[in-house]
Amino acid sequence: MAESFYVHSVPVRIGIILVTSSDKEVSGLDDPAVALAYAFDYIRQEYDAPRALTFITDVRTRLFHIF
């Protein structure tokens, strides 16, 4: 749904909150939320924010189809 706001140029600001561990020793190998946050940041830096948002929505869609 968030991606459709972007695709249709709706003037809305979308925020995503990824709750991760505050422990500096935890990595993406230990905590899936940390891995998702790192992947989002990597895609945002290497490509752009819309592609990173698409990645997050794709992951969410796939997870909801599994459970």
PDB file of N, CA and C in Angstrom:
ATOM      1  N   MET A   1       0.816  -1.178   0.000  1.00  0.00           N
ATOM      2  CA  MET A   1       0.000   0.000   0.000  1.00  0.00           C
ATOM      3  C   MET A   1       0.871   1.258   0.000  1.00  0.00           C
ATOM      4  N   ALA A   2       1.926   1.271   0.780  1.00  0.00           N
ATOM      5  CA  ALA A   2       2.796   2.443   0.840  1.00  0.00           C
ATOM      6  C   ALA A   2       3.399   2.737  -0.526  1.00  0.00           C
ATOM      7  N   GLU A   3       3.746   1.683  -1.235  1.00  0.00           N
ATOM      8  CA  GLU A   3       4.347   1.868  -2.549  1.00  0.00           C
ATOM      9  C   GLU A   3       3.368   2.518  -3.523  1.00  0.00           C
ATOM     10  N   SER A   4       2.075   2.190  -3.421  1.00  0.00           N
ATOM     11  CA  SER A   4       1.088   2.774  -4.330  1.00  0.00           C
ATOM     12  C   SER A   4       0.944   4.278  -4.121  1.00  0.00           C
ATOM     13  N   PHE A   5       1.142   4.761  -2.895  1.00  0.00           N
ATOM     14  CA  PHE A   5       1.121   6.209  -2.662  1.00  0.00           C
ATOM     15  C   PHE A   5       2.242   6.872  -3.467  1.00  0.00           C
ATOM     16  N   TYR A   6       3.402   6.249  -3.468  1.00  0.00           N
ATOM     17  CA  TYR A   6       4.535   6.811  -4.204  1.00  0.00           C
ATOM     18  C   TYR A   6       4.300   6.746  -5.706  1.00  0.00           C
ATOM     19  N   VAL A   7       3.853   5.598  -6.197  1.00  0.00           N
ATOM     20  CA  VAL A   7       3.657   5.401  -7.633  1.00  0.00           C
ATOM     21  C   VAL A   7       2.660   6.404  -8.195  1.00  0.00           C
ATOM     22  N   HIS A   8       1.612   6.718  -7.435  1.00  0.00           N
ATOM     23  CA  HIS A   8       0.578   7.638  -7.902  1.00  0.00           C
ATOM     24  C   HIS A   8       0.839   9.080  -7.485  1.00  0.00           C
ATOM     25  N   SER A   9       2.042   9.359  -7.020  1.00  0.00           N
ATOM     26  CA  SER A   9       2.478  10.717  -6.656  1.00  0.00           C
ATOM     27  C   SER A   9       1.563  11.400  -5.645  1.00  0.00           C
ATOM     28  N   VAL A  10       1.078  10.652  -4.684  1.00  0.00           N
ATOM     29  CA  VAL A  10       0.269  11.224  -3.618  1.00  0.00           C
ATOM     30  C   VAL A  10       1.205  11.969  -2.666  1.00  0.00           C
ATOM     31  N   PRO A  11       0.905  13.228  -2.352  1.00  0.00           N
ATOM     32  CA  PRO A  11       1.795  13.998  -1.475  1.00  0.00           C
ATOM     33  C   PRO A  11       1.656  13.600  -0.013  1.00  0.00           C
ATOM     34  N   VAL A  12       2.269  12.488   0.314  1.00  0.00           N
ATOM     35  CA  VAL A  12       2.200  11.945   1.669  1.00  0.00           C
ATOM     36  C   VAL A  12       3.601  11.553   2.099  1.00  0.00           C
ATOM     37  N   ARG A  13       3.912  11.796   3.333  1.00  0.00           N
ATOM     38  CA  ARG A  13       5.203  11.371   3.874  1.00  0.00           C
ATOM     39  C   ARG A  13       4.980  10.053   4.611  1.00  0.00           C
ATOM     40  N   ILE A  14       5.777   9.058   4.259  1.00  0.00           N
ATOM     41  CA  ILE A  14       5.619   7.721   4.822  1.00  0.00           C
ATOM     42  C   ILE A  14       6.820   7.422   5.713  1.00  0.00           C
ATOM     43  N   GLY A  15       6.560   6.923   6.895  1.00  0.00           N
ATOM     44  CA  GLY A  15       7.631   6.552   7.796  1.00  0.00           C
ATOM     45  C   GLY A  15       7.600   5.069   8.102  1.00  0.00           C
ATOM     46  N   ILE A  16       8.766   4.502   8.206  1.00  0.00           N
ATOM     47  CA  ILE A  16       8.893   3.091   8.568  1.00  0.00           C
ATOM     48  C   ILE A  16       9.753   3.027   9.820  1.00  0.00           C
ATOM     49  N   ILE A  17       9.264   2.339  10.803  1.00  0.00           N
ATOM     50  CA  ILE A  17      10.023   2.170  12.042  1.00  0.00           C
ATOM     51  C   ILE A  17      10.443   0.719  12.135  1.00  0.00           C
ATOM     52  N   LEU A  18      11.738   0.500  12.124  1.00  0.00           N
ATOM     53  CA  LEU A  18      12.275  -0.846  12.279  1.00  0.00           C
ATOM     54  C   LEU A  18      12.824  -0.956  13.701  1.00  0.00           C
ATOM     55  N   VAL A  19      12.205  -1.785  14.496  1.00  0.00           N
ATOM     56  CA  VAL A  19      12.623  -1.953  15.889  1.00  0.00           C
ATOM     57  C   VAL A  19      13.718  -3.004  15.929  1.00  0.00           C
ATOM     58  N   THR A  20      14.897  -2.569  16.332  1.00  0.00           N
ATOM     59  CA  THR A  20      16.044  -3.468  16.390  1.00  0.00           C
ATOM     60  C   THR A  20      16.646  -3.457  17.792  1.00  0.00           C
ATOM     61  N   SER A  21      17.560  -4.348  18.006  1.00  0.00           N
ATOM     62  CA  SER A  21      18.248  -4.430  19.292  1.00  0.00           C
ATOM     63  C   SER A  21      19.218  -3.262  19.436  1.00  0.00           C
ATOM     64  N   SER A  22      19.323  -2.727  20.636  1.00  0.00           N
ATOM     65  CA  SER A  22      20.273  -1.636  20.879  1.00  0.00           C
ATOM     66  C   SER A  22      21.654  -2.163  21.255  1.00  0.00           C
ATOM     67  N   ASP A  23      21.773  -3.467  21.374  1.00  0.00           N
ATOM     68  CA  ASP A  23      23.057  -4.093  21.707  1.00  0.00           C
ATOM     69  C   ASP A  23      24.002  -3.987  20.510  1.00  0.00           C
ATOM     70  N   LYS A  24      25.154  -3.384  20.697  1.00  0.00           N
ATOM     71  CA  LYS A  24      26.123  -3.183  19.613  1.00  0.00           C
ATOM     72  C   LYS A  24      26.730  -4.498  19.123  1.00  0.00           C
ATOM     73  N   GLU A  25      26.616  -5.556  19.903  1.00  0.00           N
ATOM     74  CA  GLU A  25      27.174  -6.856  19.527  1.00  0.00           C
ATOM     75  C   GLU A  25      26.244  -7.638  18.595  1.00  0.00           C
ATOM     76  N   VAL A  26      24.992  -7.234  18.486  1.00  0.00           N
ATOM     77  CA  VAL A  26      24.021  -7.944  17.650  1.00  0.00           C
ATOM     78  C   VAL A  26      24.224  -7.532  16.200  1.00  0.00           C
ATOM     79  N   SER A  27      24.270  -8.521  15.318  1.00  0.00           N
ATOM     80  CA  SER A  27      24.439  -8.249  13.886  1.00  0.00           C
ATOM     81  C   SER A  27      23.221  -8.755  13.125  1.00  0.00           C
ATOM     82  N   GLY A  28      23.250  -8.581  11.828  1.00  0.00           N
ATOM     83  CA  GLY A  28      22.178  -9.081  10.980  1.00  0.00           C
ATOM     84  C   GLY A  28      22.104 -10.595  10.960  1.00  0.00           C
ATOM     85  N   LEU A  29      23.176 -11.258  11.369  1.00  0.00           N
ATOM     86  CA  LEU A  29      23.161 -12.720  11.448  1.00  0.00           C
ATOM     87  C   LEU A  29      22.416 -13.208  12.685  1.00  0.00           C
ATOM     88  N   ASP A  30      22.315 -12.342  13.701  1.00  0.00           N
ATOM     89  CA  ASP A  30      21.656 -12.712  14.956  1.00  0.00           C
ATOM     90  C   ASP A  30      20.194 -12.271  15.017  1.00  0.00           C
ATOM     91  N   ASP A  31      19.890 -11.153  14.392  1.00  0.00           N
ATOM     92  CA  ASP A  31      18.571 -10.534  14.514  1.00  0.00           C
ATOM     93  C   ASP A  31      18.050 -10.161  13.123  1.00  0.00           C
ATOM     94  N   PRO A  32      16.937 -10.747  12.684  1.00  0.00           N
ATOM     95  CA  PRO A  32      16.409 -10.433  11.354  1.00  0.00           C
ATOM     96  C   PRO A  32      16.034  -8.962  11.186  1.00  0.00           C
ATOM     97  N   ALA A  33      15.622  -8.293  12.252  1.00  0.00           N
ATOM     98  CA  ALA A  33      15.272  -6.868  12.149  1.00  0.00           C
ATOM     99  C   ALA A  33      16.501  -6.034  11.814  1.00  0.00           C
ATOM    100  N   VAL A  34      17.640  -6.394  12.380  1.00  0.00           N
ATOM    101  CA  VAL A  34      18.889  -5.691  12.082  1.00  0.00           C
ATOM    102  C   VAL A  34      19.276  -5.945  10.626  1.00  0.00           C
ATOM    103  N   ALA A  35      19.132  -7.166  10.159  1.00  0.00           N
ATOM    104  CA  ALA A  35      19.446  -7.495   8.770  1.00  0.00           C
ATOM    105  C   ALA A  35      18.549  -6.704   7.814  1.00  0.00           C
ATOM    106  N   LEU A  36      17.276  -6.589   8.134  1.00  0.00           N
ATOM    107  CA  LEU A  36      16.340  -5.832   7.303  1.00  0.00           C
ATOM    108  C   LEU A  36      16.699  -4.345   7.294  1.00  0.00           C
ATOM    109  N   ALA A  37      17.064  -3.806   8.433  1.00  0.00           N
ATOM    110  CA  ALA A  37      17.454  -2.393   8.516  1.00  0.00           C
ATOM    111  C   ALA A  37      18.724  -2.148   7.698  1.00  0.00           C
ATOM    112  N   TYR A  38      19.710  -3.037   7.790  1.00  0.00           N
ATOM    113  CA  TYR A  38      20.939  -2.895   7.011  1.00  0.00           C
ATOM    114  C   TYR A  38      20.648  -2.991   5.513  1.00  0.00           C
ATOM    115  N   ALA A  39      19.789  -3.940   5.128  1.00  0.00           N
ATOM    116  CA  ALA A  39      19.447  -4.107   3.710  1.00  0.00           C
ATOM    117  C   ALA A  39      18.720  -2.871   3.187  1.00  0.00           C
ATOM    118  N   PHE A  40      17.788  -2.345   3.960  1.00  0.00           N
ATOM    119  CA  PHE A  40      17.065  -1.132   3.570  1.00  0.00           C
ATOM    120  C   PHE A  40      18.050   0.022   3.368  1.00  0.00           C
ATOM    121  N   ASP A  41      18.951   0.217   4.313  1.00  0.00           N
ATOM    122  CA  ASP A  41      19.906   1.315   4.225  1.00  0.00           C
ATOM    123  C   ASP A  41      20.847   1.147   3.037  1.00  0.00           C
ATOM    124  N   TYR A  42      21.282  -0.077   2.786  1.00  0.00           N
ATOM    125  CA  TYR A  42      22.159  -0.335   1.646  1.00  0.00           C
ATOM    126  C   TYR A  42      21.455   0.014   0.330  1.00  0.00           C
ATOM    127  N   ILE A  43      20.231  -0.462   0.156  1.00  0.00           N
ATOM    128  CA  ILE A  43      19.482  -0.200  -1.075  1.00  0.00           C
ATOM    129  C   ILE A  43      19.220   1.294  -1.230  1.00  0.00           C
ATOM    130  N   ARG A  44      18.902   1.975  -0.142  1.00  0.00           N
ATOM    131  CA  ARG A  44      18.653   3.418  -0.184  1.00  0.00           C
ATOM    132  C   ARG A  44      19.907   4.177  -0.626  1.00  0.00           C
ATOM    133  N   GLN A  45      21.061   3.764  -0.127  1.00  0.00           N
ATOM    134  CA  GLN A  45      22.303   4.454  -0.477  1.00  0.00           C
ATOM    135  C   GLN A  45      22.774   4.127  -1.898  1.00  0.00           C
ATOM    136  N   GLU A  46      22.646   2.867  -2.306  1.00  0.00           N
ATOM    137  CA  GLU A  46      23.142   2.449  -3.614  1.00  0.00           C
ATOM    138  C   GLU A  46      22.191   2.803  -4.760  1.00  0.00           C
ATOM    139  N   TYR A  47      20.902   2.840  -4.492  1.00  0.00           N
ATOM    140  CA  TYR A  47      19.913   3.116  -5.537  1.00  0.00           C
ATOM    141  C   TYR A  47      19.128   4.376  -5.163  1.00  0.00           C
ATOM    142  N   ASP A  48      18.001   4.191  -4.486  1.00  0.00           N
ATOM    143  CA  ASP A  48      17.212   5.338  -4.043  1.00  0.00           C
ATOM    144  C   ASP A  48      16.177   4.874  -3.022  1.00  0.00           C
ATOM    145  N   ALA A  49      15.537   5.841  -2.374  1.00  0.00           N
ATOM    146  CA  ALA A  49      14.565   5.534  -1.322  1.00  0.00           C
ATOM    147  C   ALA A  49      13.341   4.775  -1.843  1.00  0.00           C
ATOM    148  N   PRO A  50      12.799   5.119  -3.015  1.00  0.00           N
ATOM    149  CA  PRO A  50      11.645   4.349  -3.508  1.00  0.00           C
ATOM    150  C   PRO A  50      11.957   2.865  -3.713  1.00  0.00           C
ATOM    151  N   ARG A  51      13.160   2.556  -4.198  1.00  0.00           N
ATOM    152  CA  ARG A  51      13.520   1.149  -4.388  1.00  0.00           C
ATOM    153  C   ARG A  51      13.672   0.446  -3.041  1.00  0.00           C
ATOM    154  N   ALA A  52      14.200   1.152  -2.049  1.00  0.00           N
ATOM    155  CA  ALA A  52      14.319   0.575  -0.708  1.00  0.00           C
ATOM    156  C   ALA A  52      12.937   0.330  -0.111  1.00  0.00           C
ATOM    157  N   LEU A  53      12.012   1.255  -0.329  1.00  0.00           N
ATOM    158  CA  LEU A  53      10.640   1.067   0.145  1.00  0.00           C
ATOM    159  C   LEU A  53       9.985  -0.128  -0.537  1.00  0.00           C
ATOM    160  N   THR A  54      10.221  -0.282  -1.831  1.00  0.00           N
ATOM    161  CA  THR A  54       9.684  -1.432  -2.562  1.00  0.00           C
ATOM    162  C   THR A  54      10.241  -2.729  -1.980  1.00  0.00           C
ATOM    163  N   PHE A  55      11.518  -2.735  -1.640  1.00  0.00           N
ATOM    164  CA  PHE A  55      12.123  -3.915  -1.018  1.00  0.00           C
ATOM    165  C   PHE A  55      11.406  -4.277   0.284  1.00  0.00           C
ATOM    166  N   ILE A  56      11.180  -3.285   1.142  1.00  0.00           N
ATOM    167  CA  ILE A  56      10.507  -3.535   2.431  1.00  0.00           C
ATOM    168  C   ILE A  56       9.089  -4.060   2.206  1.00  0.00           C
ATOM    169  N   THR A  57       8.361  -3.460   1.282  1.00  0.00           N
ATOM    170  CA  THR A  57       6.984  -3.925   1.039  1.00  0.00           C
ATOM    171  C   THR A  57       6.972  -5.320   0.427  1.00  0.00           C
ATOM    172  N   ASP A  58       7.958  -5.641  -0.416  1.00  0.00           N
ATOM    173  CA  ASP A  58       8.041  -6.995  -0.985  1.00  0.00           C
ATOM    174  C   ASP A  58       8.325  -8.033   0.098  1.00  0.00           C
ATOM    175  N   VAL A  59       9.232  -7.714   1.006  1.00  0.00           N
ATOM    176  CA  VAL A  59       9.545  -8.633   2.115  1.00  0.00           C
ATOM    177  C   VAL A  59       8.296  -8.843   2.967  1.00  0.00           C
ATOM    178  N   ARG A  60       7.602  -7.754   3.296  1.00  0.00           N
ATOM    179  CA  ARG A  60       6.387  -7.846   4.108  1.00  0.00           C
ATOM    180  C   ARG A  60       5.328  -8.707   3.410  1.00  0.00           C
ATOM    181  N   THR A  61       5.155  -8.511   2.114  1.00  0.00           N
ATOM    182  CA  THR A  61       4.162  -9.285   1.360  1.00  0.00           C
ATOM    183  C   THR A  61       4.509 -10.770   1.374  1.00  0.00           C
ATOM    184  N   ARG A  62       5.771 -11.082   1.154  1.00  0.00           N
ATOM    185  CA  ARG A  62       6.183 -12.490   1.151  1.00  0.00           C
ATOM    186  C   ARG A  62       6.032 -13.132   2.523  1.00  0.00           C
ATOM    187  N   LEU A  63       6.326 -12.392   3.570  1.00  0.00           N
ATOM    188  CA  LEU A  63       6.190 -12.942   4.922  1.00  0.00           C
ATOM    189  C   LEU A  63       4.736 -13.196   5.273  1.00  0.00           C
ATOM    190  N   PHE A  64       3.838 -12.308   4.871  1.00  0.00           N
ATOM    191  CA  PHE A  64       2.422 -12.496   5.176  1.00  0.00           C
ATOM    192  C   PHE A  64       1.824 -13.645   4.386  1.00  0.00           C
ATOM    193  N   HIS A  65       2.392 -13.965   3.228  1.00  0.00           N
ATOM    194  CA  HIS A  65       1.905 -15.115   2.456  1.00  0.00           C
ATOM    195  C   HIS A  65       2.367 -16.426   3.093  1.00  0.00           C
ATOM    196  N   ILE A  66       3.490 -16.390   3.802  1.00  0.00           N
ATOM    197  CA  ILE A  66       4.006 -17.600   4.465  1.00  0.00           C
ATOM    198  C   ILE A  66       3.209 -17.908   5.714  1.00  0.00           C
ATOM    199  N   PHE A  67       2.919 -16.855   6.509  1.00  0.00           N
ATOM    200  CA  PHE A  67       2.241 -17.068   7.795  1.00  0.00           C
ATOM    201  C   PHE A  67       0.779 -16.892   7.635  1.00  0.00           C
TER     202      PHE A  67
END
